[in-house]
Amino acid sequence: MGIANSGRYSNPDLDAKLAVAKRTLDDAKREKMLSELSEIVFNDVALIPMHHEVLVVAARKDLQFTTRADQYTLAMNAKIV
């Protein structure tokens, strides 16, 4: 489903349930639905992880740094406190 589906994973039942979850405004209900969908994808073995990023960060008491999800380390994200 979608442009990022380079593995061509297909599960029409999952697609239908995802469409419902995307229209669900209640956060708790949507979270439960998405959790169930994740379980379906996991059990279908739709993805086999081939790489795992490890983020290594050092710390000092006088340095404040916010890590980024994209693994980039930018000087502008650090400051002396």
PDB file of N, CA and C in Angstrom:
ATOM      1  N   MET A   1       0.845  -1.169   0.000  1.00  0.00           N
ATOM      2  CA  MET A   1       0.000   0.000   0.000  1.00  0.00           C
ATOM      3  C   MET A   1       0.896   1.240   0.000  1.00  0.00           C
ATOM      4  N   GLY A   2       0.734   2.083  -0.941  1.00  0.00           N
ATOM      5  CA  GLY A   2       1.472   3.331  -0.962  1.00  0.00           C
ATOM      6  C   GLY A   2       2.784   3.255  -1.714  1.00  0.00           C
ATOM      7  N   ILE A   3       3.385   4.408  -1.902  1.00  0.00           N
ATOM      8  CA  ILE A   3       4.598   4.525  -2.700  1.00  0.00           C
ATOM      9  C   ILE A   3       5.827   3.907  -2.020  1.00  0.00           C
ATOM     10  N   ALA A   4       5.829   3.806  -0.699  1.00  0.00           N
ATOM     11  CA  ALA A   4       6.985   3.287   0.024  1.00  0.00           C
ATOM     12  C   ALA A   4       6.971   1.764   0.147  1.00  0.00           C
ATOM     13  N   ASN A   5       6.035   1.087  -0.489  1.00  0.00           N
ATOM     14  CA  ASN A   5       5.906  -0.363  -0.390  1.00  0.00           C
ATOM     15  C   ASN A   5       6.814  -1.047  -1.408  1.00  0.00           C
ATOM     16  N   SER A   6       8.120  -0.875  -1.245  1.00  0.00           N
ATOM     17  CA  SER A   6       9.059  -1.444  -2.215  1.00  0.00           C
ATOM     18  C   SER A   6       9.104  -2.968  -2.153  1.00  0.00           C
ATOM     19  N   GLY A   7       8.685  -3.565  -1.031  1.00  0.00           N
ATOM     20  CA  GLY A   7       8.650  -5.017  -0.918  1.00  0.00           C
ATOM     21  C   GLY A   7       7.391  -5.630  -1.494  1.00  0.00           C
ATOM     22  N   ARG A   8       6.473  -4.793  -1.941  1.00  0.00           N
ATOM     23  CA  ARG A   8       5.206  -5.216  -2.545  1.00  0.00           C
ATOM     24  C   ARG A   8       4.359  -6.091  -1.606  1.00  0.00           C
ATOM     25  N   TYR A   9       4.427  -5.783  -0.317  1.00  0.00           N
ATOM     26  CA  TYR A   9       3.593  -6.476   0.663  1.00  0.00           C
ATOM     27  C   TYR A   9       2.134  -6.176   0.373  1.00  0.00           C
ATOM     28  N   SER A  10       1.302  -7.211   0.420  1.00  0.00           N
ATOM     29  CA  SER A  10      -0.117  -7.023   0.143  1.00  0.00           C
ATOM     30  C   SER A  10      -0.951  -7.870   1.092  1.00  0.00           C
ATOM     31  N   ASN A  11      -1.901  -7.227   1.733  1.00  0.00           N
ATOM     32  CA  ASN A  11      -2.853  -7.907   2.590  1.00  0.00           C
ATOM     33  C   ASN A  11      -4.134  -7.072   2.551  1.00  0.00           C
ATOM     34  N   PRO A  12      -5.086  -7.439   1.688  1.00  0.00           N
ATOM     35  CA  PRO A  12      -6.316  -6.648   1.537  1.00  0.00           C
ATOM     36  C   PRO A  12      -7.081  -6.446   2.843  1.00  0.00           C
ATOM     37  N   ASP A  13      -7.083  -7.451   3.723  1.00  0.00           N
ATOM     38  CA  ASP A  13      -7.768  -7.322   5.009  1.00  0.00           C
ATOM     39  C   ASP A  13      -7.102  -6.235   5.852  1.00  0.00           C
ATOM     40  N   LEU A  14      -5.780  -6.231   5.871  1.00  0.00           N
ATOM     41  CA  LEU A  14      -5.036  -5.212   6.593  1.00  0.00           C
ATOM     42  C   LEU A  14      -5.311  -3.828   6.006  1.00  0.00           C
ATOM     43  N   ASP A  15      -5.318  -3.719   4.683  1.00  0.00           N
ATOM     44  CA  ASP A  15      -5.588  -2.435   4.024  1.00  0.00           C
ATOM     45  C   ASP A  15      -6.953  -1.886   4.428  1.00  0.00           C
ATOM     46  N   ALA A  16      -7.959  -2.761   4.486  1.00  0.00           N
ATOM     47  CA  ALA A  16      -9.311  -2.334   4.862  1.00  0.00           C
ATOM     48  C   ALA A  16      -9.342  -1.860   6.315  1.00  0.00           C
ATOM     49  N   LYS A  17      -8.684  -2.610   7.195  1.00  0.00           N
ATOM     50  CA  LYS A  17      -8.653  -2.226   8.606  1.00  0.00           C
ATOM     51  C   LYS A  17      -7.858  -0.936   8.808  1.00  0.00           C
ATOM     52  N   LEU A  18      -6.801  -0.752   8.037  1.00  0.00           N
ATOM     53  CA  LEU A  18      -6.009   0.472   8.125  1.00  0.00           C
ATOM     54  C   LEU A  18      -6.827   1.682   7.684  1.00  0.00           C
ATOM     55  N   ALA A  19      -7.623   1.503   6.651  1.00  0.00           N
ATOM     56  CA  ALA A  19      -8.480   2.597   6.179  1.00  0.00           C
ATOM     57  C   ALA A  19      -9.451   3.029   7.278  1.00  0.00           C
ATOM     58  N   VAL A  20      -9.980   2.060   8.021  1.00  0.00           N
ATOM     59  CA  VAL A  20     -10.887   2.381   9.131  1.00  0.00           C
ATOM     60  C   VAL A  20     -10.116   3.100  10.244  1.00  0.00           C
ATOM     61  N   ALA A  21      -8.933   2.595  10.574  1.00  0.00           N
ATOM     62  CA  ALA A  21      -8.124   3.204  11.637  1.00  0.00           C
ATOM     63  C   ALA A  21      -7.763   4.647  11.298  1.00  0.00           C
ATOM     64  N   LYS A  22      -7.478   4.908  10.034  1.00  0.00           N
ATOM     65  CA  LYS A  22      -7.108   6.265   9.614  1.00  0.00           C
ATOM     66  C   LYS A  22      -8.267   7.246   9.746  1.00  0.00           C
ATOM     67  N   ARG A  23      -9.495   6.736   9.728  1.00  0.00           N
ATOM     68  CA  ARG A  23     -10.679   7.591   9.865  1.00  0.00           C
ATOM     69  C   ARG A  23     -11.168   7.691  11.311  1.00  0.00           C
ATOM     70  N   THR A  24     -10.570   6.922  12.203  1.00  0.00           N
ATOM     71  CA  THR A  24     -11.004   6.887  13.597  1.00  0.00           C
ATOM     72  C   THR A  24     -10.423   8.075  14.362  1.00  0.00           C
ATOM     73  N   LEU A  25     -11.286   8.890  14.923  1.00  0.00           N
ATOM     74  CA  LEU A  25     -10.848  10.098  15.620  1.00  0.00           C
ATOM     75  C   LEU A  25     -10.500   9.852  17.086  1.00  0.00           C
ATOM     76  N   ASP A  26     -11.077   8.823  17.677  1.00  0.00           N
ATOM     77  CA  ASP A  26     -10.809   8.508  19.079  1.00  0.00           C
ATOM     78  C   ASP A  26      -9.389   7.942  19.206  1.00  0.00           C
ATOM     79  N   ASP A  27      -8.522   8.647  19.941  1.00  0.00           N
ATOM     80  CA  ASP A  27      -7.117   8.249  20.052  1.00  0.00           C
ATOM     81  C   ASP A  27      -6.935   6.838  20.606  1.00  0.00           C
ATOM     82  N   ALA A  28      -7.663   6.500  21.652  1.00  0.00           N
ATOM     83  CA  ALA A  28      -7.514   5.183  22.282  1.00  0.00           C
ATOM     84  C   ALA A  28      -7.938   4.066  21.333  1.00  0.00           C
ATOM     85  N   LYS A  29      -9.056   4.264  20.644  1.00  0.00           N
ATOM     86  CA  LYS A  29      -9.527   3.247  19.690  1.00  0.00           C
ATOM     87  C   LYS A  29      -8.544   3.096  18.532  1.00  0.00           C
ATOM     88  N   ARG A  30      -8.056   4.245  18.026  1.00  0.00           N
ATOM     89  CA  ARG A  30      -7.120   4.199  16.901  1.00  0.00           C
ATOM     90  C   ARG A  30      -5.817   3.513  17.316  1.00  0.00           C
ATOM     91  N   GLU A  31      -5.325   3.814  18.515  1.00  0.00           N
ATOM     92  CA  GLU A  31      -4.098   3.191  19.013  1.00  0.00           C
ATOM     93  C   GLU A  31      -4.264   1.677  19.111  1.00  0.00           C
ATOM     94  N   LYS A  32      -5.427   1.231  19.607  1.00  0.00           N
ATOM     95  CA  LYS A  32      -5.698  -0.207  19.717  1.00  0.00           C
ATOM     96  C   LYS A  32      -5.733  -0.845  18.329  1.00  0.00           C
ATOM     97  N   MET A  33      -6.392  -0.178  17.380  1.00  0.00           N
ATOM     98  CA  MET A  33      -6.477  -0.706  16.014  1.00  0.00           C
ATOM     99  C   MET A  33      -5.088  -0.797  15.385  1.00  0.00           C
ATOM    100  N   LEU A  34      -4.282   0.243  15.549  1.00  0.00           N
ATOM    101  CA  LEU A  34      -2.946   0.248  14.955  1.00  0.00           C
ATOM    102  C   LEU A  34      -2.051  -0.804  15.604  1.00  0.00           C
ATOM    103  N   SER A  35      -2.236  -1.038  16.891  1.00  0.00           N
ATOM    104  CA  SER A  35      -1.485  -2.089  17.570  1.00  0.00           C
ATOM    105  C   SER A  35      -1.840  -3.459  16.993  1.00  0.00           C
ATOM    106  N   GLU A  36      -3.126  -3.684  16.756  1.00  0.00           N
ATOM    107  CA  GLU A  36      -3.570  -4.944  16.148  1.00  0.00           C
ATOM    108  C   GLU A  36      -3.027  -5.082  14.726  1.00  0.00           C
ATOM    109  N   LEU A  37      -2.990  -3.985  13.986  1.00  0.00           N
ATOM    110  CA  LEU A  37      -2.449  -4.021  12.625  1.00  0.00           C
ATOM    111  C   LEU A  37      -0.955  -4.326  12.640  1.00  0.00           C
ATOM    112  N   SER A  38      -0.241  -3.781  13.604  1.00  0.00           N
ATOM    113  CA  SER A  38       1.190  -4.075  13.733  1.00  0.00           C
ATOM    114  C   SER A  38       1.412  -5.561  13.984  1.00  0.00           C
ATOM    115  N   GLU A  39       0.541  -6.140  14.790  1.00  0.00           N
ATOM    116  CA  GLU A  39       0.632  -7.580  15.079  1.00  0.00           C
ATOM    117  C   GLU A  39       0.414  -8.403  13.807  1.00  0.00           C
ATOM    118  N   ILE A  40      -0.542  -7.992  12.977  1.00  0.00           N
ATOM    119  CA  ILE A  40      -0.798  -8.689  11.708  1.00  0.00           C
ATOM    120  C   ILE A  40       0.435  -8.626  10.815  1.00  0.00           C
ATOM    121  N   VAL A  41       1.006  -7.435  10.672  1.00  0.00           N
ATOM    122  CA  VAL A  41       2.193  -7.266   9.822  1.00  0.00           C
ATOM    123  C   VAL A  41       3.347  -8.102  10.367  1.00  0.00           C
ATOM    124  N   PHE A  42       3.524  -8.100  11.692  1.00  0.00           N
ATOM    125  CA  PHE A  42       4.591  -8.883  12.312  1.00  0.00           C
ATOM    126  C   PHE A  42       4.402 -10.375  12.038  1.00  0.00           C
ATOM    127  N   ASN A  43       3.173 -10.862  12.201  1.00  0.00           N
ATOM    128  CA  ASN A  43       2.898 -12.286  11.987  1.00  0.00           C
ATOM    129  C   ASN A  43       2.982 -12.687  10.517  1.00  0.00           C
ATOM    130  N   ASP A  44       2.708 -11.748   9.622  1.00  0.00           N
ATOM    131  CA  ASP A  44       2.851 -12.018   8.185  1.00  0.00           C
ATOM    132  C   ASP A  44       4.314 -12.019   7.748  1.00  0.00           C
ATOM    133  N   VAL A  45       5.202 -11.595   8.620  1.00  0.00           N
ATOM    134  CA  VAL A  45       6.624 -11.412   8.301  1.00  0.00           C
ATOM    135  C   VAL A  45       6.749 -10.549   7.042  1.00  0.00           C
ATOM    136  N   ALA A  46       6.085  -9.400   7.097  1.00  0.00           N
ATOM    137  CA  ALA A  46       6.091  -8.474   5.965  1.00  0.00           C
ATOM    138  C   ALA A  46       7.418  -7.747   5.841  1.00  0.00           C
ATOM    139  N   LEU A  47       8.198  -7.751   6.897  1.00  0.00           N
ATOM    140  CA  LEU A  47       9.461  -7.025   6.902  1.00  0.00           C
ATOM    141  C   LEU A  47      10.499  -7.833   7.658  1.00  0.00           C
ATOM    142  N   ILE A  48      11.658  -7.978   7.070  1.00  0.00           N
ATOM    143  CA  ILE A  48      12.770  -8.633   7.746  1.00  0.00           C
ATOM    144  C   ILE A  48      13.855  -7.575   7.932  1.00  0.00           C
ATOM    145  N   PRO A  49      14.070  -7.106   9.162  1.00  0.00           N
ATOM    146  CA  PRO A  49      15.077  -6.069   9.383  1.00  0.00           C
ATOM    147  C   PRO A  49      16.472  -6.569   9.007  1.00  0.00           C
ATOM    148  N   MET A  50      17.156  -5.804   8.195  1.00  0.00           N
ATOM    149  CA  MET A  50      18.500  -6.171   7.755  1.00  0.00           C
ATOM    150  C   MET A  50      19.567  -5.271   8.380  1.00  0.00           C
ATOM    151  N   HIS A  51      19.118  -4.228   9.066  1.00  0.00           N
ATOM    152  CA  HIS A  51      20.048  -3.252   9.623  1.00  0.00           C
ATOM    153  C   HIS A  51      19.434  -2.654  10.881  1.00  0.00           C
ATOM    154  N   HIS A  52      20.265  -2.432  11.865  1.00  0.00           N
ATOM    155  CA  HIS A  52      19.789  -1.826  13.109  1.00  0.00           C
ATOM    156  C   HIS A  52      20.749  -0.709  13.502  1.00  0.00           C
ATOM    157  N   GLU A  53      20.232   0.502  13.620  1.00  0.00           N
ATOM    158  CA  GLU A  53      21.052   1.651  14.018  1.00  0.00           C
ATOM    159  C   GLU A  53      21.273   1.629  15.524  1.00  0.00           C
ATOM    160  N   VAL A  54      22.478   1.918  15.926  1.00  0.00           N
ATOM    161  CA  VAL A  54      22.797   2.072  17.336  1.00  0.00           C
ATOM    162  C   VAL A  54      23.261   3.508  17.528  1.00  0.00           C
ATOM    163  N   LEU A  55      22.655   4.203  18.452  1.00  0.00           N
ATOM    164  CA  LEU A  55      23.013   5.588  18.733  1.00  0.00           C
ATOM    165  C   LEU A  55      23.870   5.624  19.984  1.00  0.00           C
ATOM    166  N   VAL A  56      25.080   6.130  19.860  1.00  0.00           N
ATOM    167  CA  VAL A  56      25.988   6.254  20.992  1.00  0.00           C
ATOM    168  C   VAL A  56      26.095   7.736  21.341  1.00  0.00           C
ATOM    169  N   VAL A  57      25.835   8.064  22.588  1.00  0.00           N
ATOM    170  CA  VAL A  57      25.868   9.454  23.035  1.00  0.00           C
ATOM    171  C   VAL A  57      26.660   9.534  24.336  1.00  0.00           C
ATOM    172  N   ALA A  58      27.546  10.511  24.432  1.00  0.00           N
ATOM    173  CA  ALA A  58      28.279  10.761  25.673  1.00  0.00           C
ATOM    174  C   ALA A  58      27.610  11.932  26.385  1.00  0.00           C
ATOM    175  N   ALA A  59      27.876  12.077  27.678  1.00  0.00           N
ATOM    176  CA  ALA A  59      27.220  13.146  28.430  1.00  0.00           C
ATOM    177  C   ALA A  59      28.184  13.818  29.402  1.00  0.00           C
ATOM    178  N   ARG A  60      27.910  15.087  29.670  1.00  0.00           N
ATOM    179  CA  ARG A  60      28.611  15.869  30.690  1.00  0.00           C
ATOM    180  C   ARG A  60      27.564  16.649  31.462  1.00  0.00           C
ATOM    181  N   LYS A  61      27.845  16.938  32.727  1.00  0.00           N
ATOM    182  CA  LYS A  61      26.881  17.673  33.552  1.00  0.00           C
ATOM    183  C   LYS A  61      26.577  19.053  32.998  1.00  0.00           C
ATOM    184  N   ASP A  62      27.568  19.704  32.395  1.00  0.00           N
ATOM    185  CA  ASP A  62      27.371  21.080  31.934  1.00  0.00           C
ATOM    186  C   ASP A  62      26.997  21.178  30.454  1.00  0.00           C
ATOM    187  N   LEU A  63      26.656  20.058  29.844  1.00  0.00           N
ATOM    188  CA  LEU A  63      26.299  20.048  28.428  1.00  0.00           C
ATOM    189  C   LEU A  63      24.885  19.500  28.258  1.00  0.00           C
ATOM    190  N   GLN A  64      24.077  20.216  27.527  1.00  0.00           N
ATOM    191  CA  GLN A  64      22.719  19.760  27.235  1.00  0.00           C
ATOM    192  C   GLN A  64      22.637  19.474  25.738  1.00  0.00           C
ATOM    193  N   PHE A  65      22.169  18.291  25.391  1.00  0.00           N
ATOM    194  CA  PHE A  65      22.107  17.888  23.988  1.00  0.00           C
ATOM    195  C   PHE A  65      20.841  17.080  23.756  1.00  0.00           C
ATOM    196  N   THR A  66      20.152  17.374  22.687  1.00  0.00           N
ATOM    197  CA  THR A  66      18.952  16.630  22.320  1.00  0.00           C
ATOM    198  C   THR A  66      19.275  15.763  21.114  1.00  0.00           C
ATOM    199  N   THR A  67      19.113  14.451  21.267  1.00  0.00           N
ATOM    200  CA  THR A  67      19.380  13.547  20.148  1.00  0.00           C
ATOM    201  C   THR A  67      18.283  13.673  19.110  1.00  0.00           C
ATOM    202  N   ARG A  68      18.612  13.287  17.896  1.00  0.00           N
ATOM    203  CA  ARG A  68      17.669  13.388  16.781  1.00  0.00           C
ATOM    204  C   ARG A  68      17.324  11.989  16.278  1.00  0.00           C
ATOM    205  N   ALA A  69      16.108  11.808  15.808  1.00  0.00           N
ATOM    206  CA  ALA A  69      15.665  10.512  15.290  1.00  0.00           C
ATOM    207  C   ALA A  69      16.402  10.131  14.014  1.00  0.00           C
ATOM    208  N   ASP A  70      16.923  11.117  13.281  1.00  0.00           N
ATOM    209  CA  ASP A  70      17.598  10.818  12.016  1.00  0.00           C
ATOM    210  C   ASP A  70      19.086  10.511  12.187  1.00  0.00           C
ATOM    211  N   GLN A  71      19.559  10.410  13.436  1.00  0.00           N
ATOM    212  CA  GLN A  71      20.928  10.044  13.772  1.00  0.00           C
ATOM    213  C   GLN A  71      21.962  11.145  13.517  1.00  0.00           C
ATOM    214  N   TYR A  72      21.550  12.298  13.020  1.00  0.00           N
ATOM    215  CA  TYR A  72      22.500  13.389  12.795  1.00  0.00           C
ATOM    216  C   TYR A  72      22.887  14.024  14.126  1.00  0.00           C
ATOM    217  N   THR A  73      24.154  14.395  14.252  1.00  0.00           N
ATOM    218  CA  THR A  73      24.641  15.122  15.406  1.00  0.00           C
ATOM    219  C   THR A  73      24.993  16.522  14.936  1.00  0.00           C
ATOM    220  N   LEU A  74      24.219  17.497  15.356  1.00  0.00           N
ATOM    221  CA  LEU A  74      24.427  18.875  14.934  1.00  0.00           C
ATOM    222  C   LEU A  74      24.862  19.717  16.127  1.00  0.00           C
ATOM    223  N   ALA A  75      25.892  20.540  15.921  1.00  0.00           N
ATOM    224  CA  ALA A  75      26.398  21.393  16.996  1.00  0.00           C
ATOM    225  C   ALA A  75      25.312  22.319  17.529  1.00  0.00           C
ATOM    226  N   MET A  76      24.402  22.743  16.671  1.00  0.00           N
ATOM    227  CA  MET A  76      23.351  23.662  17.126  1.00  0.00           C
ATOM    228  C   MET A  76      22.374  23.000  18.097  1.00  0.00           C
ATOM    229  N   ASN A  77      22.431  21.677  18.240  1.00  0.00           N
ATOM    230  CA  ASN A  77      21.568  20.969  19.187  1.00  0.00           C
ATOM    231  C   ASN A  77      22.212  20.828  20.562  1.00  0.00           C
ATOM    232  N   ALA A  78      23.428  21.362  20.720  1.00  0.00           N
ATOM    233  CA  ALA A  78      24.135  21.266  21.998  1.00  0.00           C
ATOM    234  C   ALA A  78      24.299  22.655  22.592  1.00  0.00           C
ATOM    235  N   LYS A  79      24.249  22.723  23.923  1.00  0.00           N
ATOM    236  CA  LYS A  79      24.519  24.001  24.575  1.00  0.00           C
ATOM    237  C   LYS A  79      25.083  23.758  25.968  1.00  0.00           C
ATOM    238  N   ILE A  80      25.917  24.691  26.389  1.00  0.00           N
ATOM    239  CA  ILE A  80      26.500  24.647  27.724  1.00  0.00           C
ATOM    240  C   ILE A  80      25.469  25.218  28.694  1.00  0.00           C
ATOM    241  N   VAL A  81      25.251  24.513  29.806  1.00  0.00           N
ATOM    242  CA  VAL A  81      24.260  24.974  30.792  1.00  0.00           C
ATOM    243  C   VAL A  81      24.918  25.342  32.097  1.00  0.00           C
TER     244      VAL A  81
END
